[in-house]
Amino acid sequence: MDITGKTIGFAITGSFCTFRVVFPNVKQMVSEGAEVVPIMSEISYTTNTRFGEAEDNIKFLEEVTGKKVISRIQEVEPIGPKKMLDVLVVAPCTGNTLAKIANGIADSSVTLAVKSHLRNKRPVVIAVSSNDGLGNNAKNIGFLANMKNVYLVPFGQDDCLEKENSLVAKMDLIIPSVKMALDGKQIQPIISAYNL
């Protein structure tokens, strides 16, 4: 499906090391004619790291999308009642956020955005980035893979020798995953070989 004219929520959580490969997807979506609504978790909105300054990340998202970043629970709550989005992307999706979504916990801007959006039976696309994807979060990934209206960006082990439980989505497949999710289809294969 073409994303031209679609309203896409793009939610960012705190896997800071992946921002450099996630952010180009926002720019590409806008260039393909989508209206992108940027959402950041409270942590990603306020935390400076060795991977970049929070202020610079916010500035990038706002300049590319032309919209103010949503970062508070009160700001995401209308997403469901107002049917604001055609699709919601969570990329990167940390293990913490993944676990909350799988267990129905909506205590952050991103998790409430997901809960609010799912009430409309519209797709949520998750790009996992978790150091415990093959550990404690394996069950949550399995649960979400079988949840209606939730679609996963293909993922693989990013560093199987040093971090054997770590899983990271192939961020270059976010847009193809979104296009298929808008057609109600899960992109395949979900588990992908990861090129280091």
N, C-alpha and C. Protein backbone atom coordinates (compact mmCIF):
# COMPACT_ATOMS: atom_id res chain seq x y z
N MET A 1 0.84 -1.19 0.00
CA MET A 1 0.00 0.00 0.00
C MET A 1 0.88 1.25 0.00
N ASP A 2 0.43 2.23 -0.69
CA ASP A 2 1.10 3.52 -0.74
C ASP A 2 0.83 4.27 0.57
N ILE A 3 1.83 4.98 1.08
CA ILE A 3 1.62 5.74 2.32
C ILE A 3 1.30 7.21 2.05
N THR A 4 1.22 7.60 0.80
CA THR A 4 0.86 8.97 0.46
C THR A 4 -0.50 9.31 1.07
N GLY A 5 -0.54 10.41 1.80
CA GLY A 5 -1.79 10.85 2.41
C GLY A 5 -2.14 10.15 3.71
N LYS A 6 -1.35 9.17 4.12
CA LYS A 6 -1.60 8.47 5.38
C LYS A 6 -1.04 9.29 6.55
N THR A 7 -1.71 9.19 7.69
CA THR A 7 -1.21 9.81 8.91
C THR A 7 -0.56 8.73 9.75
N ILE A 8 0.74 8.88 9.96
CA ILE A 8 1.54 7.86 10.63
C ILE A 8 2.08 8.41 11.94
N GLY A 9 1.72 7.78 13.05
CA GLY A 9 2.34 8.11 14.32
C GLY A 9 3.68 7.40 14.38
N PHE A 10 4.72 8.11 14.74
CA PHE A 10 6.06 7.50 14.84
C PHE A 10 6.55 7.71 16.26
N ALA A 11 6.51 6.65 17.05
CA ALA A 11 6.86 6.72 18.48
C ALA A 11 8.28 6.21 18.71
N ILE A 12 9.06 6.99 19.41
CA ILE A 12 10.46 6.69 19.69
C ILE A 12 10.61 6.36 21.17
N THR A 13 11.28 5.24 21.47
CA THR A 13 11.62 4.94 22.87
C THR A 13 13.14 4.93 23.02
N GLY A 14 13.62 4.63 24.22
CA GLY A 14 15.00 4.90 24.59
C GLY A 14 16.10 3.96 24.17
N SER A 15 16.01 3.31 23.04
CA SER A 15 17.15 2.54 22.53
C SER A 15 18.00 3.51 21.70
N PHE A 16 18.71 4.37 22.39
CA PHE A 16 19.40 5.51 21.78
C PHE A 16 20.40 5.12 20.70
N CYS A 17 21.01 3.96 20.85
CA CYS A 17 22.03 3.53 19.88
C CYS A 17 21.44 3.26 18.49
N THR A 18 20.13 3.14 18.38
CA THR A 18 19.51 2.87 17.08
C THR A 18 18.93 4.11 16.42
N PHE A 19 18.96 5.25 17.09
CA PHE A 19 18.33 6.44 16.53
C PHE A 19 18.89 6.79 15.14
N ARG A 20 20.19 6.61 14.95
CA ARG A 20 20.81 7.00 13.68
C ARG A 20 20.27 6.19 12.50
N VAL A 21 19.78 4.97 12.76
CA VAL A 21 19.21 4.16 11.67
C VAL A 21 17.68 4.23 11.66
N VAL A 22 17.07 4.69 12.73
CA VAL A 22 15.61 4.83 12.80
C VAL A 22 15.17 6.15 12.18
N PHE A 23 15.84 7.23 12.52
CA PHE A 23 15.39 8.57 12.11
C PHE A 23 15.26 8.76 10.59
N PRO A 24 16.13 8.17 9.76
CA PRO A 24 15.95 8.34 8.32
C PRO A 24 14.59 7.84 7.81
N ASN A 25 13.97 6.89 8.53
CA ASN A 25 12.65 6.40 8.14
C ASN A 25 11.59 7.50 8.25
N VAL A 26 11.72 8.35 9.25
CA VAL A 26 10.78 9.46 9.42
C VAL A 26 10.88 10.39 8.21
N LYS A 27 12.10 10.72 7.84
CA LYS A 27 12.33 11.60 6.69
C LYS A 27 11.79 10.97 5.40
N GLN A 28 12.03 9.67 5.23
CA GLN A 28 11.57 8.97 4.03
C GLN A 28 10.04 8.94 3.96
N MET A 29 9.39 8.71 5.11
CA MET A 29 7.92 8.70 5.13
C MET A 29 7.35 10.04 4.69
N VAL A 30 7.94 11.11 5.19
CA VAL A 30 7.50 12.46 4.80
C VAL A 30 7.73 12.67 3.31
N SER A 31 8.89 12.22 2.81
CA SER A 31 9.18 12.41 1.38
C SER A 31 8.25 11.58 0.50
N GLU A 32 7.69 10.50 1.04
CA GLU A 32 6.73 9.68 0.29
C GLU A 32 5.30 10.20 0.43
N GLY A 33 5.13 11.33 1.10
CA GLY A 33 3.82 11.97 1.15
C GLY A 33 2.98 11.66 2.38
N ALA A 34 3.58 11.03 3.38
CA ALA A 34 2.84 10.75 4.62
C ALA A 34 2.90 11.96 5.55
N GLU A 35 1.88 12.11 6.35
CA GLU A 35 1.88 13.07 7.46
C GLU A 35 2.36 12.29 8.67
N VAL A 36 3.49 12.68 9.24
CA VAL A 36 4.07 11.93 10.35
C VAL A 36 3.91 12.73 11.64
N VAL A 37 3.35 12.07 12.64
CA VAL A 37 3.15 12.66 13.96
C VAL A 37 4.22 12.08 14.89
N PRO A 38 5.22 12.90 15.31
CA PRO A 38 6.29 12.37 16.15
C PRO A 38 5.87 12.26 17.62
N ILE A 39 6.17 11.10 18.20
CA ILE A 39 5.87 10.84 19.61
C ILE A 39 7.16 10.33 20.24
N MET A 40 7.50 10.83 21.41
CA MET A 40 8.69 10.35 22.11
C MET A 40 8.31 9.94 23.53
N SER A 41 8.94 8.86 23.99
CA SER A 41 8.77 8.50 25.39
C SER A 41 9.39 9.60 26.24
N GLU A 42 8.98 9.65 27.48
CA GLU A 42 9.51 10.66 28.39
C GLU A 42 11.03 10.55 28.50
N ILE A 43 11.54 9.33 28.52
CA ILE A 43 12.99 9.11 28.63
C ILE A 43 13.71 9.60 27.38
N SER A 44 13.22 9.22 26.21
CA SER A 44 13.90 9.64 24.98
C SER A 44 13.80 11.15 24.77
N TYR A 45 12.74 11.76 25.29
CA TYR A 45 12.53 13.20 25.14
C TYR A 45 13.47 14.03 26.02
N THR A 46 13.90 13.46 27.14
CA THR A 46 14.66 14.25 28.12
C THR A 46 16.11 13.82 28.33
N THR A 47 16.53 12.71 27.75
CA THR A 47 17.84 12.14 28.10
C THR A 47 18.90 12.42 27.05
N ASN A 48 20.01 12.98 27.50
CA ASN A 48 21.19 13.15 26.66
C ASN A 48 22.08 11.92 26.85
N THR A 49 22.63 11.41 25.76
CA THR A 49 23.48 10.23 25.84
C THR A 49 24.71 10.42 24.96
N ARG A 50 25.60 9.44 24.97
CA ARG A 50 26.77 9.51 24.10
C ARG A 50 26.37 9.39 22.63
N PHE A 51 25.13 9.01 22.37
CA PHE A 51 24.64 8.90 20.99
C PHE A 51 24.00 10.19 20.50
N GLY A 52 23.85 11.17 21.40
CA GLY A 52 23.28 12.45 20.98
C GLY A 52 22.52 13.16 22.08
N GLU A 53 22.24 14.41 21.81
CA GLU A 53 21.51 15.25 22.76
C GLU A 53 20.01 15.17 22.49
N ALA A 54 19.24 15.14 23.55
CA ALA A 54 17.78 15.09 23.43
C ALA A 54 17.26 16.26 22.60
N GLU A 55 17.78 17.43 22.84
CA GLU A 55 17.34 18.63 22.13
C GLU A 55 17.55 18.50 20.62
N ASP A 56 18.67 17.89 20.22
CA ASP A 56 18.94 17.70 18.79
C ASP A 56 17.97 16.70 18.17
N ASN A 57 17.64 15.65 18.92
CA ASN A 57 16.68 14.65 18.41
C ASN A 57 15.30 15.27 18.23
N ILE A 58 14.88 16.06 19.21
CA ILE A 58 13.58 16.73 19.13
C ILE A 58 13.56 17.68 17.93
N LYS A 59 14.62 18.47 17.80
CA LYS A 59 14.72 19.44 16.70
C LYS A 59 14.63 18.73 15.35
N PHE A 60 15.34 17.62 15.19
CA PHE A 60 15.29 16.87 13.93
C PHE A 60 13.87 16.43 13.62
N LEU A 61 13.22 15.80 14.59
CA LEU A 61 11.86 15.28 14.36
C LEU A 61 10.88 16.39 14.03
N GLU A 62 10.99 17.51 14.74
CA GLU A 62 10.06 18.61 14.51
C GLU A 62 10.30 19.28 13.16
N GLU A 63 11.57 19.43 12.78
CA GLU A 63 11.87 20.06 11.49
C GLU A 63 11.43 19.18 10.32
N VAL A 64 11.68 17.88 10.43
CA VAL A 64 11.34 16.96 9.34
C VAL A 64 9.83 16.81 9.18
N THR A 65 9.12 16.71 10.30
CA THR A 65 7.67 16.46 10.24
C THR A 65 6.83 17.73 10.18
N GLY A 66 7.41 18.84 10.65
CA GLY A 66 6.64 20.08 10.72
C GLY A 66 5.64 20.07 11.87
N LYS A 67 5.84 19.16 12.81
CA LYS A 67 4.91 19.03 13.94
C LYS A 67 5.70 19.01 15.25
N LYS A 68 5.06 19.49 16.30
CA LYS A 68 5.65 19.44 17.64
C LYS A 68 5.67 18.00 18.13
N VAL A 69 6.76 17.60 18.74
CA VAL A 69 6.85 16.25 19.32
C VAL A 69 5.86 16.11 20.47
N ILE A 70 5.13 15.02 20.47
CA ILE A 70 4.23 14.68 21.57
C ILE A 70 5.02 13.84 22.56
N SER A 71 5.02 14.24 23.82
CA SER A 71 5.84 13.51 24.80
C SER A 71 5.15 13.30 26.15
N ARG A 72 3.91 13.71 26.25
CA ARG A 72 3.21 13.58 27.53
C ARG A 72 1.95 12.74 27.36
N ILE A 73 1.59 12.03 28.40
CA ILE A 73 0.42 11.17 28.37
C ILE A 73 -0.83 11.94 27.95
N GLN A 74 -1.00 13.13 28.48
CA GLN A 74 -2.19 13.92 28.16
C GLN A 74 -2.28 14.23 26.67
N GLU A 75 -1.13 14.33 26.00
CA GLU A 75 -1.11 14.68 24.58
C GLU A 75 -1.44 13.50 23.67
N VAL A 76 -1.17 12.27 24.13
CA VAL A 76 -1.44 11.10 23.28
C VAL A 76 -2.83 10.53 23.49
N GLU A 77 -3.44 10.88 24.59
CA GLU A 77 -4.74 10.27 24.92
C GLU A 77 -5.79 10.45 23.82
N PRO A 78 -5.85 11.58 23.12
CA PRO A 78 -6.87 11.75 22.07
C PRO A 78 -6.64 10.90 20.82
N ILE A 79 -5.49 10.25 20.69
CA ILE A 79 -5.20 9.48 19.48
C ILE A 79 -6.32 8.50 19.15
N GLY A 80 -6.79 7.76 20.14
CA GLY A 80 -7.86 6.80 19.91
C GLY A 80 -9.21 7.44 19.69
N PRO A 81 -9.70 8.25 20.64
CA PRO A 81 -11.03 8.83 20.49
C PRO A 81 -11.19 9.68 19.22
N LYS A 82 -10.13 10.37 18.81
CA LYS A 82 -10.22 11.23 17.62
C LYS A 82 -9.80 10.50 16.34
N LYS A 83 -9.41 9.23 16.48
CA LYS A 83 -8.97 8.44 15.32
C LYS A 83 -7.94 9.21 14.50
N MET A 84 -6.89 9.65 15.19
CA MET A 84 -5.91 10.56 14.60
C MET A 84 -4.95 9.89 13.61
N LEU A 85 -4.73 8.58 13.74
CA LEU A 85 -3.68 7.91 12.96
C LEU A 85 -4.22 6.77 12.12
N ASP A 86 -3.60 6.56 10.98
CA ASP A 86 -3.88 5.37 10.17
C ASP A 86 -3.06 4.18 10.67
N VAL A 87 -1.84 4.46 11.12
CA VAL A 87 -0.93 3.43 11.61
C VAL A 87 -0.02 4.08 12.64
N LEU A 88 0.41 3.30 13.62
CA LEU A 88 1.34 3.77 14.64
C LEU A 88 2.58 2.88 14.62
N VAL A 89 3.73 3.50 14.48
CA VAL A 89 5.02 2.80 14.50
C VAL A 89 5.68 3.05 15.85
N VAL A 90 6.23 2.00 16.46
CA VAL A 90 7.06 2.16 17.65
C VAL A 90 8.45 1.67 17.27
N ALA A 91 9.36 2.64 17.07
CA ALA A 91 10.71 2.30 16.61
C ALA A 91 11.70 3.35 17.09
N PRO A 92 12.69 2.96 17.83
CA PRO A 92 12.91 1.63 18.35
C PRO A 92 11.95 1.35 19.52
N CYS A 93 11.65 0.09 19.71
CA CYS A 93 10.80 -0.32 20.83
C CYS A 93 11.67 -1.10 21.81
N THR A 94 11.94 -0.49 22.94
CA THR A 94 12.78 -1.14 23.95
C THR A 94 12.07 -2.35 24.57
N GLY A 95 12.84 -3.18 25.24
CA GLY A 95 12.27 -4.32 25.95
C GLY A 95 11.27 -3.89 27.00
N ASN A 96 11.54 -2.78 27.68
CA ASN A 96 10.64 -2.26 28.69
C ASN A 96 9.30 -1.89 28.08
N THR A 97 9.33 -1.15 26.98
CA THR A 97 8.09 -0.75 26.31
C THR A 97 7.37 -1.96 25.74
N LEU A 98 8.13 -2.86 25.15
CA LEU A 98 7.57 -4.10 24.60
C LEU A 98 6.81 -4.88 25.66
N ALA A 99 7.41 -5.03 26.84
CA ALA A 99 6.77 -5.76 27.94
C ALA A 99 5.49 -5.07 28.40
N LYS A 100 5.54 -3.75 28.47
CA LYS A 100 4.34 -3.01 28.89
C LYS A 100 3.21 -3.17 27.88
N ILE A 101 3.53 -3.06 26.59
CA ILE A 101 2.49 -3.20 25.57
C ILE A 101 1.89 -4.60 25.65
N ALA A 102 2.74 -5.62 25.77
CA ALA A 102 2.26 -7.01 25.81
C ALA A 102 1.38 -7.27 27.02
N ASN A 103 1.62 -6.54 28.09
CA ASN A 103 0.87 -6.78 29.33
C ASN A 103 -0.17 -5.70 29.63
N GLY A 104 -0.48 -4.87 28.65
CA GLY A 104 -1.55 -3.90 28.79
C GLY A 104 -1.26 -2.75 29.73
N ILE A 105 0.01 -2.44 29.94
CA ILE A 105 0.38 -1.33 30.83
C ILE A 105 0.53 -0.08 29.98
N ALA A 106 -0.21 0.96 30.33
CA ALA A 106 -0.23 2.20 29.55
C ALA A 106 0.14 3.38 30.43
N ASP A 107 1.36 3.37 30.95
CA ASP A 107 1.77 4.41 31.90
C ASP A 107 2.82 5.37 31.34
N SER A 108 2.97 5.39 30.02
CA SER A 108 3.91 6.32 29.39
C SER A 108 3.25 6.87 28.12
N SER A 109 3.86 7.88 27.56
CA SER A 109 3.30 8.48 26.34
C SER A 109 3.20 7.44 25.22
N VAL A 110 4.23 6.62 25.05
CA VAL A 110 4.22 5.64 23.95
C VAL A 110 3.25 4.50 24.22
N THR A 111 3.27 3.95 25.43
CA THR A 111 2.37 2.81 25.70
C THR A 111 0.90 3.23 25.68
N LEU A 112 0.60 4.46 26.13
CA LEU A 112 -0.78 4.93 26.05
C LEU A 112 -1.17 5.22 24.60
N ALA A 113 -0.22 5.72 23.81
CA ALA A 113 -0.50 5.94 22.38
C ALA A 113 -0.89 4.62 21.72
N VAL A 114 -0.15 3.54 22.04
CA VAL A 114 -0.47 2.23 21.47
C VAL A 114 -1.85 1.77 21.91
N LYS A 115 -2.10 1.85 23.20
CA LYS A 115 -3.41 1.42 23.73
C LYS A 115 -4.54 2.21 23.09
N SER A 116 -4.36 3.52 23.03
CA SER A 116 -5.39 4.40 22.49
C SER A 116 -5.62 4.12 21.01
N HIS A 117 -4.55 3.89 20.26
CA HIS A 117 -4.66 3.62 18.82
C HIS A 117 -5.29 2.26 18.53
N LEU A 118 -4.94 1.25 19.32
CA LEU A 118 -5.46 -0.10 19.07
C LEU A 118 -6.98 -0.19 19.24
N ARG A 119 -7.55 0.71 20.01
CA ARG A 119 -9.01 0.66 20.19
C ARG A 119 -9.74 0.88 18.88
N ASN A 120 -9.04 1.47 17.89
CA ASN A 120 -9.63 1.71 16.58
C ASN A 120 -9.39 0.56 15.60
N LYS A 121 -8.79 -0.52 16.09
CA LYS A 121 -8.51 -1.70 15.26
C LYS A 121 -7.65 -1.33 14.05
N ARG A 122 -6.69 -0.46 14.30
CA ARG A 122 -5.76 -0.03 13.26
C ARG A 122 -4.37 -0.55 13.60
N PRO A 123 -3.49 -0.68 12.60
CA PRO A 123 -2.21 -1.35 12.83
C PRO A 123 -1.21 -0.58 13.68
N VAL A 124 -0.50 -1.37 14.51
CA VAL A 124 0.66 -0.90 15.26
C VAL A 124 1.84 -1.73 14.75
N VAL A 125 2.91 -1.05 14.35
CA VAL A 125 4.10 -1.71 13.83
C VAL A 125 5.22 -1.51 14.83
N ILE A 126 5.80 -2.62 15.31
CA ILE A 126 6.81 -2.58 16.36
C ILE A 126 8.17 -3.02 15.81
N ALA A 127 9.18 -2.16 16.04
CA ALA A 127 10.56 -2.47 15.66
C ALA A 127 11.35 -2.67 16.95
N VAL A 128 11.47 -3.92 17.35
CA VAL A 128 12.09 -4.26 18.63
C VAL A 128 13.58 -3.89 18.65
N SER A 129 14.04 -3.45 19.81
CA SER A 129 15.45 -3.22 20.06
C SER A 129 15.67 -3.49 21.55
N SER A 130 16.03 -4.74 21.85
CA SER A 130 16.08 -5.17 23.25
C SER A 130 17.25 -6.09 23.52
N ASN A 131 17.99 -5.79 24.56
CA ASN A 131 19.10 -6.67 24.97
C ASN A 131 18.62 -7.98 25.58
N ASP A 132 17.32 -8.07 25.90
CA ASP A 132 16.80 -9.33 26.47
C ASP A 132 15.69 -9.93 25.61
N GLY A 133 15.77 -9.70 24.29
CA GLY A 133 14.76 -10.22 23.38
C GLY A 133 14.67 -11.74 23.37
N LEU A 134 15.78 -12.41 23.60
CA LEU A 134 15.77 -13.87 23.69
C LEU A 134 15.82 -14.34 25.14
N GLY A 135 15.67 -13.39 26.06
CA GLY A 135 15.60 -13.71 27.48
C GLY A 135 14.18 -13.50 27.97
N ASN A 136 14.02 -12.65 28.97
CA ASN A 136 12.70 -12.42 29.55
C ASN A 136 11.67 -11.89 28.56
N ASN A 137 12.11 -11.17 27.54
CA ASN A 137 11.16 -10.57 26.60
C ASN A 137 10.74 -11.50 25.47
N ALA A 138 11.32 -12.67 25.37
CA ALA A 138 10.94 -13.60 24.30
C ALA A 138 9.44 -13.90 24.34
N LYS A 139 8.93 -14.10 25.54
CA LYS A 139 7.49 -14.42 25.66
C LYS A 139 6.62 -13.25 25.22
N ASN A 140 7.09 -12.00 25.48
CA ASN A 140 6.32 -10.83 25.08
C ASN A 140 6.33 -10.65 23.56
N ILE A 141 7.47 -10.92 22.94
CA ILE A 141 7.54 -10.86 21.48
C ILE A 141 6.60 -11.89 20.88
N GLY A 142 6.61 -13.09 21.42
CA GLY A 142 5.70 -14.14 20.95
C GLY A 142 4.25 -13.75 21.11
N PHE A 143 3.93 -13.15 22.24
CA PHE A 143 2.56 -12.72 22.48
C PHE A 143 2.13 -11.66 21.47
N LEU A 144 3.00 -10.66 21.26
CA LEU A 144 2.66 -9.57 20.34
C LEU A 144 2.59 -10.06 18.90
N ALA A 145 3.41 -11.05 18.55
CA ALA A 145 3.37 -11.59 17.19
C ALA A 145 2.02 -12.24 16.89
N ASN A 146 1.30 -12.62 17.92
CA ASN A 146 0.00 -13.26 17.76
C ASN A 146 -1.17 -12.35 18.12
N MET A 147 -0.88 -11.09 18.38
CA MET A 147 -1.92 -10.14 18.78
C MET A 147 -2.51 -9.45 17.55
N LYS A 148 -3.81 -9.35 17.52
CA LYS A 148 -4.49 -8.73 16.39
C LYS A 148 -4.09 -7.27 16.25
N ASN A 149 -3.84 -6.86 15.02
CA ASN A 149 -3.48 -5.48 14.66
C ASN A 149 -2.08 -5.06 15.10
N VAL A 150 -1.26 -6.00 15.55
CA VAL A 150 0.13 -5.71 15.87
C VAL A 150 1.01 -6.44 14.87
N TYR A 151 1.97 -5.72 14.31
CA TYR A 151 2.86 -6.25 13.28
C TYR A 151 4.30 -5.97 13.70
N LEU A 152 5.17 -6.91 13.43
CA LEU A 152 6.57 -6.77 13.82
C LEU A 152 7.45 -6.51 12.60
N VAL A 153 8.38 -5.57 12.77
CA VAL A 153 9.42 -5.38 11.77
C VAL A 153 10.38 -6.57 11.93
N PRO A 154 10.80 -7.21 10.84
CA PRO A 154 11.71 -8.35 10.97
C PRO A 154 12.93 -8.01 11.84
N PHE A 155 13.33 -8.97 12.64
CA PHE A 155 14.43 -8.73 13.59
C PHE A 155 15.38 -9.91 13.61
N GLY A 156 16.55 -9.68 14.19
CA GLY A 156 17.54 -10.74 14.35
C GLY A 156 18.49 -10.40 15.48
N GLN A 157 19.41 -11.31 15.74
CA GLN A 157 20.43 -11.06 16.76
C GLN A 157 21.45 -10.10 16.17
N ASP A 158 21.71 -9.02 16.86
CA ASP A 158 22.63 -8.03 16.34
C ASP A 158 24.07 -8.26 16.76
N ASP A 159 24.28 -8.99 17.86
CA ASP A 159 25.64 -9.27 18.33
C ASP A 159 25.60 -10.57 19.12
N CYS A 160 25.47 -11.69 18.40
CA CYS A 160 25.24 -12.98 19.06
C CYS A 160 26.42 -13.46 19.89
N LEU A 161 27.61 -12.94 19.67
CA LEU A 161 28.76 -13.37 20.45
C LEU A 161 28.89 -12.62 21.77
N GLU A 162 28.63 -11.33 21.74
CA GLU A 162 28.78 -10.51 22.95
C GLU A 162 27.47 -10.34 23.73
N LYS A 163 26.34 -10.37 23.00
CA LYS A 163 25.03 -10.14 23.64
C LYS A 163 24.06 -11.18 23.07
N GLU A 164 24.17 -12.40 23.54
CA GLU A 164 23.43 -13.50 22.91
C GLU A 164 21.91 -13.38 23.02
N ASN A 165 21.39 -12.57 23.93
CA ASN A 165 19.94 -12.40 24.06
C ASN A 165 19.41 -11.16 23.33
N SER A 166 20.30 -10.41 22.71
CA SER A 166 19.92 -9.13 22.11
C SER A 166 19.27 -9.32 20.74
N LEU A 167 18.15 -8.64 20.53
CA LEU A 167 17.45 -8.63 19.25
C LEU A 167 17.24 -7.19 18.80
N VAL A 168 17.45 -6.95 17.52
CA VAL A 168 17.21 -5.63 16.95
C VAL A 168 16.52 -5.80 15.61
N ALA A 169 15.49 -4.98 15.40
CA ALA A 169 14.77 -5.00 14.13
C ALA A 169 15.67 -4.49 13.01
N LYS A 170 15.40 -4.94 11.81
CA LYS A 170 16.07 -4.42 10.62
C LYS A 170 15.36 -3.11 10.26
N MET A 171 15.92 -2.02 10.77
CA MET A 171 15.24 -0.73 10.69
C MET A 171 15.00 -0.28 9.25
N ASP A 172 15.75 -0.81 8.29
CA ASP A 172 15.51 -0.47 6.89
C ASP A 172 14.23 -1.13 6.35
N LEU A 173 13.61 -1.99 7.17
CA LEU A 173 12.36 -2.63 6.77
C LEU A 173 11.13 -2.02 7.47
N ILE A 174 11.33 -0.90 8.15
CA ILE A 174 10.19 -0.25 8.82
C ILE A 174 9.12 0.15 7.79
N ILE A 175 9.51 0.86 6.76
CA ILE A 175 8.52 1.35 5.80
C ILE A 175 7.84 0.20 5.05
N PRO A 176 8.58 -0.80 4.54
CA PRO A 176 7.88 -1.93 3.93
C PRO A 176 6.94 -2.64 4.91
N SER A 177 7.32 -2.71 6.19
CA SER A 177 6.46 -3.32 7.21
C SER A 177 5.18 -2.51 7.40
N VAL A 178 5.31 -1.19 7.39
CA VAL A 178 4.15 -0.30 7.54
C VAL A 178 3.21 -0.49 6.35
N LYS A 179 3.76 -0.52 5.16
CA LYS A 179 2.93 -0.66 3.95
C LYS A 179 2.14 -1.96 3.98
N MET A 180 2.78 -3.03 4.41
CA MET A 180 2.08 -4.31 4.48
C MET A 180 1.06 -4.32 5.62
N ALA A 181 1.41 -3.72 6.75
CA ALA A 181 0.49 -3.67 7.89
C ALA A 181 -0.78 -2.90 7.52
N LEU A 182 -0.65 -1.87 6.71
CA LEU A 182 -1.83 -1.11 6.27
C LEU A 182 -2.75 -1.98 5.41
N ASP A 183 -2.19 -3.03 4.83
CA ASP A 183 -2.99 -4.01 4.08
C ASP A 183 -3.40 -5.20 4.95
N GLY A 184 -3.07 -5.12 6.26
CA GLY A 184 -3.43 -6.20 7.18
C GLY A 184 -2.54 -7.42 7.08
N LYS A 185 -1.30 -7.24 6.61
CA LYS A 185 -0.39 -8.37 6.42
C LYS A 185 0.91 -8.17 7.20
N GLN A 186 1.42 -9.26 7.74
CA GLN A 186 2.71 -9.27 8.42
C GLN A 186 3.80 -9.53 7.39
N ILE A 187 4.79 -8.64 7.32
CA ILE A 187 5.91 -8.86 6.41
C ILE A 187 6.65 -10.13 6.85
N GLN A 188 7.16 -10.86 5.90
CA GLN A 188 7.87 -12.11 6.19
C GLN A 188 9.24 -12.10 5.54
N PRO A 189 10.19 -12.86 6.07
CA PRO A 189 10.12 -13.57 7.34
C PRO A 189 10.29 -12.60 8.51
N ILE A 190 9.71 -12.94 9.64
CA ILE A 190 9.83 -12.08 10.83
C ILE A 190 11.23 -12.18 11.41
N ILE A 191 11.77 -13.40 11.46
CA ILE A 191 13.12 -13.58 11.97
C ILE A 191 14.07 -13.57 10.79
N SER A 192 15.01 -12.66 10.85
CA SER A 192 15.86 -12.38 9.72
C SER A 192 17.33 -12.53 10.10
N ALA A 193 18.13 -12.93 9.15
CA ALA A 193 19.57 -12.92 9.37
C ALA A 193 19.99 -11.46 9.52
N TYR A 194 20.87 -11.21 10.45
CA TYR A 194 21.29 -9.84 10.72
C TYR A 194 22.72 -9.65 10.22
N ASN A 195 22.93 -8.68 9.38
CA ASN A 195 24.28 -8.40 8.87
C ASN A 195 25.00 -7.47 9.83
N LEU A 196 26.11 -7.94 10.35
CA LEU A 196 26.87 -7.11 11.29
C LEU A 196 27.87 -6.24 10.54
